[in-house]
PDB file of N, CA and C in Angstrom:
ATOM      1  N   MET A   1       1.060  -1.173  -0.171  1.00  0.00           N
ATOM      2  CA  MET A   1       0.031  -0.096   0.272  1.00  0.00           C
ATOM      3  C   MET A   1       1.117   1.382  -0.171  1.00  0.00           C
ATOM      4  N   PRO A   2       0.486   1.809  -0.684  1.00  0.00           N
ATOM      5  CA  PRO A   2       1.500   3.402  -0.338  1.00  0.00           C
ATOM      6  C   PRO A   2       0.783   4.356   0.079  1.00  0.00           C
ATOM      7  N   ALA A   3       2.662   5.020   1.197  1.00  0.00           N
ATOM      8  CA  ALA A   3       2.310   5.970   1.819  1.00  0.00           C
ATOM      9  C   ALA A   3       0.675   6.835   1.783  1.00  0.00           C
ATOM     10  N   VAL A   4       1.124   7.178   0.735  1.00  0.00           N
ATOM     11  CA  VAL A   4      -0.091   8.267   0.044  1.00  0.00           C
ATOM     12  C   VAL A   4      -1.357   7.676  -0.612  1.00  0.00           C
ATOM     13  N   ARG A   5      -2.027   8.114  -0.169  1.00  0.00           N
ATOM     14  CA  ARG A   5      -3.534   7.236  -0.658  1.00  0.00           C
ATOM     15  C   ARG A   5      -3.529   7.984  -2.120  1.00  0.00           C
ATOM     16  N   GLY A   6      -4.001   7.482  -3.039  1.00  0.00           N
ATOM     17  CA  GLY A   6      -3.987   7.778  -4.385  1.00  0.00           C
ATOM     18  C   GLY A   6      -2.896   7.375  -5.043  1.00  0.00           C
ATOM     19  N   ARG A   7      -1.653   7.398  -4.896  1.00  0.00           N
ATOM     20  CA  ARG A   7      -0.065   7.520  -5.448  1.00  0.00           C
ATOM     21  C   ARG A   7       0.360   5.890  -5.380  1.00  0.00           C
ATOM     22  N   ALA A   8       1.045   5.657  -6.843  1.00  0.00           N
ATOM     23  CA  ALA A   8       1.151   4.372  -7.077  1.00  0.00           C
ATOM     24  C   ALA A   8       2.488   4.533  -6.313  1.00  0.00           C
ATOM     25  N   HIS A   9       2.515   2.657  -6.385  1.00  0.00           N
ATOM     26  CA  HIS A   9       3.808   2.086  -6.313  1.00  0.00           C
ATOM     27  C   HIS A   9       4.644   2.246  -7.561  1.00  0.00           C
ATOM     28  N   ARG A  10       6.101   2.825  -6.969  1.00  0.00           N
ATOM     29  CA  ARG A  10       6.524   2.904  -7.875  1.00  0.00           C
ATOM     30  C   ARG A  10       7.671   1.889  -8.218  1.00  0.00           C
ATOM     31  N   LYS A  11       7.441   1.551 -10.107  1.00  0.00           N
ATOM     32  CA  LYS A  11       7.906   0.588 -10.584  1.00  0.00           C
ATOM     33  C   LYS A  11       8.605   0.600 -11.821  1.00  0.00           C
ATOM     34  N   SER A  12       9.817   0.164 -12.370  1.00  0.00           N
ATOM     35  CA  SER A  12      10.633   0.624 -13.083  1.00  0.00           C
ATOM     36  C   SER A  12      10.115   0.763 -14.781  1.00  0.00           C
ATOM     37  N   PRO A  13       9.820   1.210 -15.425  1.00  0.00           N
ATOM     38  CA  PRO A  13       8.813   0.840 -16.568  1.00  0.00           C
ATOM     39  C   PRO A  13       9.502  -0.402 -17.456  1.00  0.00           C
ATOM     40  N   THR A  14      10.953  -0.262 -17.749  1.00  0.00           N
ATOM     41  CA  THR A  14      11.104  -0.790 -18.445  1.00  0.00           C
ATOM     42  C   THR A  14      11.428  -2.386 -17.069  1.00  0.00           C
ATOM     43  N   GLY A  15      11.152  -2.424 -16.237  1.00  0.00           N
ATOM     44  CA  GLY A  15      11.733  -3.755 -14.860  1.00  0.00           C
ATOM     45  C   GLY A  15      13.466  -3.887 -14.825  1.00  0.00           C
ATOM     46  N   ALA A  16      14.268  -3.071 -15.010  1.00  0.00           N
ATOM     47  CA  ALA A  16      15.339  -2.662 -15.276  1.00  0.00           C
ATOM     48  C   ALA A  16      15.555  -2.026 -13.783  1.00  0.00           C
ATOM     49  N   PRO A  17      16.635  -2.309 -13.236  1.00  0.00           N
ATOM     50  CA  PRO A  17      16.964  -2.324 -11.460  1.00  0.00           C
ATOM     51  C   PRO A  17      16.786  -0.662 -11.131  1.00  0.00           C
ATOM     52  N   THR A  18      16.350  -0.677 -10.317  1.00  0.00           N
ATOM     53  CA  THR A  18      16.547   1.185  -9.427  1.00  0.00           C
ATOM     54  C   THR A  18      17.839   1.016  -8.866  1.00  0.00           C
ATOM     55  N   VAL A  19      18.401   2.426  -8.752  1.00  0.00           N
ATOM     56  CA  VAL A  19      19.212   2.688  -7.688  1.00  0.00           C
ATOM     57  C   VAL A  19      19.357   3.779  -6.497  1.00  0.00           C
ATOM     58  N   PRO A  20      19.439   4.150  -5.702  1.00  0.00           N
ATOM     59  CA  PRO A  20      19.056   4.664  -4.846  1.00  0.00           C
ATOM     60  C   PRO A  20      20.157   6.256  -5.414  1.00  0.00           C
ATOM     61  N   LEU A  21      19.342   7.409  -5.438  1.00  0.00           N
ATOM     62  CA  LEU A  21      19.980   9.155  -5.552  1.00  0.00           C
ATOM     63  C   LEU A  21      19.420  10.112  -4.575  1.00  0.00           C
ATOM     64  N   GLN A  22      20.054  10.244  -3.715  1.00  0.00           N
ATOM     65  CA  GLN A  22      19.870  11.001  -2.318  1.00  0.00           C
ATOM     66  C   GLN A  22      20.818  12.417  -2.557  1.00  0.00           C
ATOM     67  N   GLY A  23      20.271  13.643  -1.860  1.00  0.00           N
ATOM     68  CA  GLY A  23      20.428  14.825  -2.028  1.00  0.00           C
ATOM     69  C   GLY A  23      19.738  15.972  -1.010  1.00  0.00           C
ATOM     70  N   ARG A  24      20.000  16.695  -0.317  1.00  0.00           N
ATOM     71  CA  ARG A  24      19.984  17.755   0.318  1.00  0.00           C
ATOM     72  C   ARG A  24      19.319  18.908  -0.159  1.00  0.00           C
ATOM     73  N   VAL A  25      18.052  19.476   0.351  1.00  0.00           N
ATOM     74  CA  VAL A  25      17.429  19.884  -0.044  1.00  0.00           C
ATOM     75  C   VAL A  25      17.078  20.643   0.652  1.00  0.00           C
ATOM     76  N   SER A  26      16.117  22.038   0.294  1.00  0.00           N
ATOM     77  CA  SER A  26      15.262  23.237   1.408  1.00  0.00           C
ATOM     78  C   SER A  26      14.005  22.630   1.590  1.00  0.00           C
ATOM     79  N   VAL A  27      13.317  22.697   2.920  1.00  0.00           N
ATOM     80  CA  VAL A  27      11.944  22.246   3.520  1.00  0.00           C
ATOM     81  C   VAL A  27      11.067  22.303   2.030  1.00  0.00           C
ATOM     82  N   GLU A  28      11.252  23.372   1.950  1.00  0.00           N
ATOM     83  CA  GLU A  28      10.692  24.330   0.731  1.00  0.00           C
ATOM     84  C   GLU A  28      10.890  23.799  -0.764  1.00  0.00           C
ATOM     85  N   ALA A  29      11.506  23.014  -0.750  1.00  0.00           N
ATOM     86  CA  ALA A  29      11.912  22.516  -2.135  1.00  0.00           C
ATOM     87  C   ALA A  29      11.548  21.042  -1.972  1.00  0.00           C
ATOM     88  N   ARG A  30      11.599  20.445  -0.851  1.00  0.00           N
ATOM     89  CA  ARG A  30      11.184  19.207  -0.648  1.00  0.00           C
ATOM     90  C   ARG A  30       8.913  19.168  -0.560  1.00  0.00           C
ATOM     91  N   ASP A  31       8.829  19.799   0.032  1.00  0.00           N
ATOM     92  CA  ASP A  31       7.572  20.414   0.083  1.00  0.00           C
ATOM     93  C   ASP A  31       6.642  20.334  -1.309  1.00  0.00           C
ATOM     94  N   ALA A  32       7.473  21.189  -2.552  1.00  0.00           N
ATOM     95  CA  ALA A  32       6.761  21.833  -3.451  1.00  0.00           C
ATOM     96  C   ALA A  32       7.217  19.971  -4.592  1.00  0.00           C
ATOM     97  N   ALA A  33       8.531  19.718  -4.372  1.00  0.00           N
ATOM     98  CA  ALA A  33       8.336  18.248  -4.980  1.00  0.00           C
ATOM     99  C   ALA A  33       7.178  17.115  -4.308  1.00  0.00           C
ATOM    100  N   ARG A  34       7.175  17.142  -3.021  1.00  0.00           N
ATOM    101  CA  ARG A  34       5.700  16.150  -2.638  1.00  0.00           C
ATOM    102  C   ARG A  34       4.353  16.624  -3.623  1.00  0.00           C
ATOM    103  N   ALA A  35       4.301  18.249  -3.722  1.00  0.00           N
ATOM    104  CA  ALA A  35       3.389  18.632  -3.345  1.00  0.00           C
ATOM    105  C   ALA A  35       2.910  18.214  -5.467  1.00  0.00           C
ATOM    106  N   ALA A  36       3.735  18.685  -5.995  1.00  0.00           N
ATOM    107  CA  ALA A  36       3.757  18.240  -7.776  1.00  0.00           C
ATOM    108  C   ALA A  36       3.565  16.923  -7.980  1.00  0.00           C
ATOM    109  N   ALA A  37       4.265  16.063  -6.650  1.00  0.00           N
ATOM    110  CA  ALA A  37       4.413  14.608  -6.692  1.00  0.00           C
ATOM    111  C   ALA A  37       2.993  13.823  -6.483  1.00  0.00           C
ATOM    112  N   ASP A  38       1.952  14.800  -5.267  1.00  0.00           N
ATOM    113  CA  ASP A  38       0.509  13.917  -5.494  1.00  0.00           C
ATOM    114  C   ASP A  38      -0.115  14.602  -5.862  1.00  0.00           C
ATOM    115  N   GLU A  39      -0.078  15.974  -6.668  1.00  0.00           N
ATOM    116  CA  GLU A  39      -1.143  16.180  -7.990  1.00  0.00           C
ATOM    117  C   GLU A  39      -0.674  14.792  -9.151  1.00  0.00           C
ATOM    118  N   LEU A  40       0.142  14.589  -9.435  1.00  0.00           N
ATOM    119  CA  LEU A  40       0.736  13.864 -10.423  1.00  0.00           C
ATOM    120  C   LEU A  40       0.139  12.382  -9.965  1.00  0.00           C
ATOM    121  N   GLY A  41       0.298  12.274  -8.941  1.00  0.00           N
ATOM    122  CA  GLY A  41      -0.137  10.503  -8.358  1.00  0.00           C
ATOM    123  C   GLY A  41       1.366   9.683  -8.758  1.00  0.00           C
ATOM    124  N   LEU A  42       1.882  10.510  -8.592  1.00  0.00           N
ATOM    125  CA  LEU A  42       3.358   9.595  -8.587  1.00  0.00           C
ATOM    126  C   LEU A  42       3.695   9.875  -6.770  1.00  0.00           C
ATOM    127  N   SER A  43       4.989   8.810  -6.367  1.00  0.00           N
ATOM    128  CA  SER A  43       5.614   8.927  -5.713  1.00  0.00           C
ATOM    129  C   SER A  43       6.790  10.076  -6.232  1.00  0.00           C
ATOM    130  N   ILE A  44       7.532  10.824  -4.856  1.00  0.00           N
ATOM    131  CA  ILE A  44       8.680  11.861  -4.786  1.00  0.00           C
ATOM    132  C   ILE A  44       9.903  10.972  -5.729  1.00  0.00           C
ATOM    133  N   ALA A  45       9.882   9.625  -5.780  1.00  0.00           N
ATOM    134  CA  ALA A  45      11.178   9.155  -6.457  1.00  0.00           C
ATOM    135  C   ALA A  45      10.829   9.080  -8.037  1.00  0.00           C
ATOM    136  N   GLY A  46       9.238   8.931  -8.139  1.00  0.00           N
ATOM    137  CA  GLY A  46       8.897   9.020  -9.333  1.00  0.00           C
ATOM    138  C   GLY A  46       8.904  10.223 -10.234  1.00  0.00           C
ATOM    139  N   TYR A  47       8.788  11.026  -9.432  1.00  0.00           N
ATOM    140  CA  TYR A  47       8.330  12.599  -9.982  1.00  0.00           C
ATOM    141  C   TYR A  47       9.577  12.818 -10.128  1.00  0.00           C
ATOM    142  N   LEU A  48      10.843  12.782  -9.207  1.00  0.00           N
ATOM    143  CA  LEU A  48      12.222  13.430  -9.196  1.00  0.00           C
ATOM    144  C   LEU A  48      12.898  12.659 -10.523  1.00  0.00           C
ATOM    145  N   GLU A  49      12.310  11.077 -10.872  1.00  0.00           N
ATOM    146  CA  GLU A  49      12.543  10.655 -12.011  1.00  0.00           C
ATOM    147  C   GLU A  49      12.785  11.476 -13.041  1.00  0.00           C
ATOM    148  N   ALA A  50      10.985  11.224 -13.301  1.00  0.00           N
ATOM    149  CA  ALA A  50      10.753  11.745 -14.517  1.00  0.00           C
ATOM    150  C   ALA A  50      11.162  13.440 -14.900  1.00  0.00           C
ATOM    151  N   LEU A  51      11.498  14.241 -13.990  1.00  0.00           N
ATOM    152  CA  LEU A  51      12.100  15.505 -13.972  1.00  0.00           C
ATOM    153  C   LEU A  51      13.073  15.090 -14.398  1.00  0.00           C
ATOM    154  N   VAL A  52      13.981  14.892 -13.911  1.00  0.00           N
ATOM    155  CA  VAL A  52      15.661  14.407 -14.348  1.00  0.00           C
ATOM    156  C   VAL A  52      15.881  14.352 -15.817  1.00  0.00           C
ATOM    157  N   LEU A  53      14.631  12.885 -15.998  1.00  0.00           N
ATOM    158  CA  LEU A  53      14.520  12.473 -17.159  1.00  0.00           C
ATOM    159  C   LEU A  53      14.295  13.841 -18.377  1.00  0.00           C
ATOM    160  N   ALA A  54      13.437  14.637 -18.252  1.00  0.00           N
ATOM    161  CA  ALA A  54      12.868  15.148 -19.004  1.00  0.00           C
ATOM    162  C   ALA A  54      13.848  16.815 -19.019  1.00  0.00           C
ATOM    163  N   ASP A  55      14.619  17.036 -17.868  1.00  0.00           N
ATOM    164  CA  ASP A  55      15.688  18.376 -18.251  1.00  0.00           C
ATOM    165  C   ASP A  55      16.927  17.753 -19.076  1.00  0.00           C
ATOM    166  N   ALA A  56      17.375  16.583 -18.967  1.00  0.00           N
ATOM    167  CA  ALA A  56      18.397  15.941 -19.914  1.00  0.00           C
ATOM    168  C   ALA A  56      17.857  15.413 -20.534  1.00  0.00           C
ATOM    169  N   GLU A  57      16.860  15.731 -21.612  1.00  0.00           N
ATOM    170  CA  GLU A  57      16.104  15.339 -22.736  1.00  0.00           C
ATOM    171  C   GLU A  57      16.380  16.959 -23.500  1.00  0.00           C
ATOM    172  N   GLN A  58      16.095  18.009 -22.515  1.00  0.00           N
ATOM    173  CA  GLN A  58      16.031  19.257 -22.819  1.00  0.00           C
ATOM    174  C   GLN A  58      17.476  20.008 -23.311  1.00  0.00           C
ATOM    175  N   ARG A  59      18.401  19.415 -21.935  1.00  0.00           N
ATOM    176  CA  ARG A  59      20.081  20.172 -21.796  1.00  0.00           C
ATOM    177  C   ARG A  59      20.967  19.205 -22.412  1.00  0.00           C
ATOM    178  N   ILE A  60      20.914  18.020 -22.135  1.00  0.00           N
ATOM    179  CA  ILE A  60      21.903  17.086 -22.520  1.00  0.00           C
ATOM    180  C   ILE A  60      21.832  16.455 -23.449  1.00  0.00           C
ATOM    181  N   ILE A  61      20.947  15.716 -23.704  1.00  0.00           N
ATOM    182  CA  ILE A  61      20.748  14.305 -25.040  1.00  0.00           C
ATOM    183  C   ILE A  61      20.413  15.017 -25.875  1.00  0.00           C
ATOM    184  N   ARG A  62      21.222  14.668 -27.063  1.00  0.00           N
ATOM    185  CA  ARG A  62      20.599  15.203 -28.921  1.00  0.00           C
ATOM    186  C   ARG A  62      18.976  14.552 -28.772  1.00  0.00           C
ATOM    187  N   ARG A  63      18.626  15.608 -29.754  1.00  0.00           N
ATOM    188  CA  ARG A  63      17.459  14.658 -30.190  1.00  0.00           C
ATOM    189  C   ARG A  63      17.007  14.740 -31.172  1.00  0.00           C
ATOM    190  N   PRO A  64      16.248  13.672 -31.682  1.00  0.00           N
ATOM    191  CA  PRO A  64      16.217  13.150 -32.865  1.00  0.00           C
ATOM    192  C   PRO A  64      16.356  14.055 -34.487  1.00  0.00           C
ATOM    193  N   GLU A  65      16.320  15.188 -34.553  1.00  0.00           N
ATOM    194  CA  GLU A  65      16.714  15.870 -35.146  1.00  0.00           C
ATOM    195  C   GLU A  65      18.045  16.541 -35.558  1.00  0.00           C
ATOM    196  N   HIS A  66      18.484  16.045 -34.175  1.00  0.00           N
ATOM    197  CA  HIS A  66      19.926  16.462 -33.934  1.00  0.00           C
ATOM    198  C   HIS A  66      20.801  15.449 -33.695  1.00  0.00           C
ATOM    199  N   LEU A  67      20.816  14.063 -35.053  1.00  0.00           N
ATOM    200  CA  LEU A  67      21.013  12.876 -34.777  1.00  0.00           C
ATOM    201  C   LEU A  67      22.573  12.840 -35.334  1.00  0.00           C
ATOM    202  N   TYR A  68      23.795  12.099 -34.416  1.00  0.00           N
ATOM    203  CA  TYR A  68      24.807  12.085 -35.896  1.00  0.00           C
ATOM    204  C   TYR A  68      24.374  11.802 -37.012  1.00  0.00           C
ATOM    205  N   ARG A  69      25.075  12.262 -37.884  1.00  0.00           N
ATOM    206  CA  ARG A  69      25.114  12.219 -39.706  1.00  0.00           C
ATOM    207  C   ARG A  69      26.542  11.988 -40.101  1.00  0.00           C
ATOM    208  N   GLN A  70      26.467  11.253 -40.970  1.00  0.00           N
ATOM    209  CA  GLN A  70      27.887  10.974 -41.716  1.00  0.00           C
ATOM    210  C   GLN A  70      28.135  12.243 -42.706  1.00  0.00           C
ATOM    211  N   GLU A  71      28.889  12.820 -42.574  1.00  0.00           N
ATOM    212  CA  GLU A  71      29.789  13.903 -43.088  1.00  0.00           C
ATOM    213  C   GLU A  71      30.510  13.490 -44.780  1.00  0.00           C
ATOM    214  N   ALA A  72      30.537  14.099 -45.557  1.00  0.00           N
ATOM    215  CA  ALA A  72      30.587  13.704 -46.406  1.00  0.00           C
ATOM    216  C   ALA A  72      32.270  14.489 -46.715  1.00  0.00           C
ATOM    217  N   MET A  73      33.400  14.319 -46.658  1.00  0.00           N
ATOM    218  CA  MET A  73      34.578  14.386 -46.681  1.00  0.00           C
ATOM    219  C   MET A  73      35.571  14.360 -48.223  1.00  0.00           C
ATOM    220  N   THR A  74      36.065  15.226 -48.527  1.00  0.00           N
ATOM    221  CA  THR A  74      36.708  15.541 -49.887  1.00  0.00           C
ATOM    222  C   THR A  74      38.293  15.049 -49.827  1.00  0.00           C
ATOM    223  N   ALA A  75      38.586  14.743 -50.583  1.00  0.00           N
ATOM    224  CA  ALA A  75      40.095  14.201 -50.154  1.00  0.00           C
ATOM    225  C   ALA A  75      41.134  15.595 -50.624  1.00  0.00           C
TER     226      ALA A  75
END
């Protein structure tokens, strides 16, 4: 049973193993994360995972339109 009514148990969508990730934040940041997770029906861990992956997609990982492509080389 989830700790918060209406919140789903955390499961990896791929069935891959999960690992702990820990950090310290202000009480306000924790409360904001908890409220956002509640609103989405997620655990805080699920919310943080979604947040990190969305940010990585926006900032770090190349989007499909920027995939590597073979460049023509001249001799």
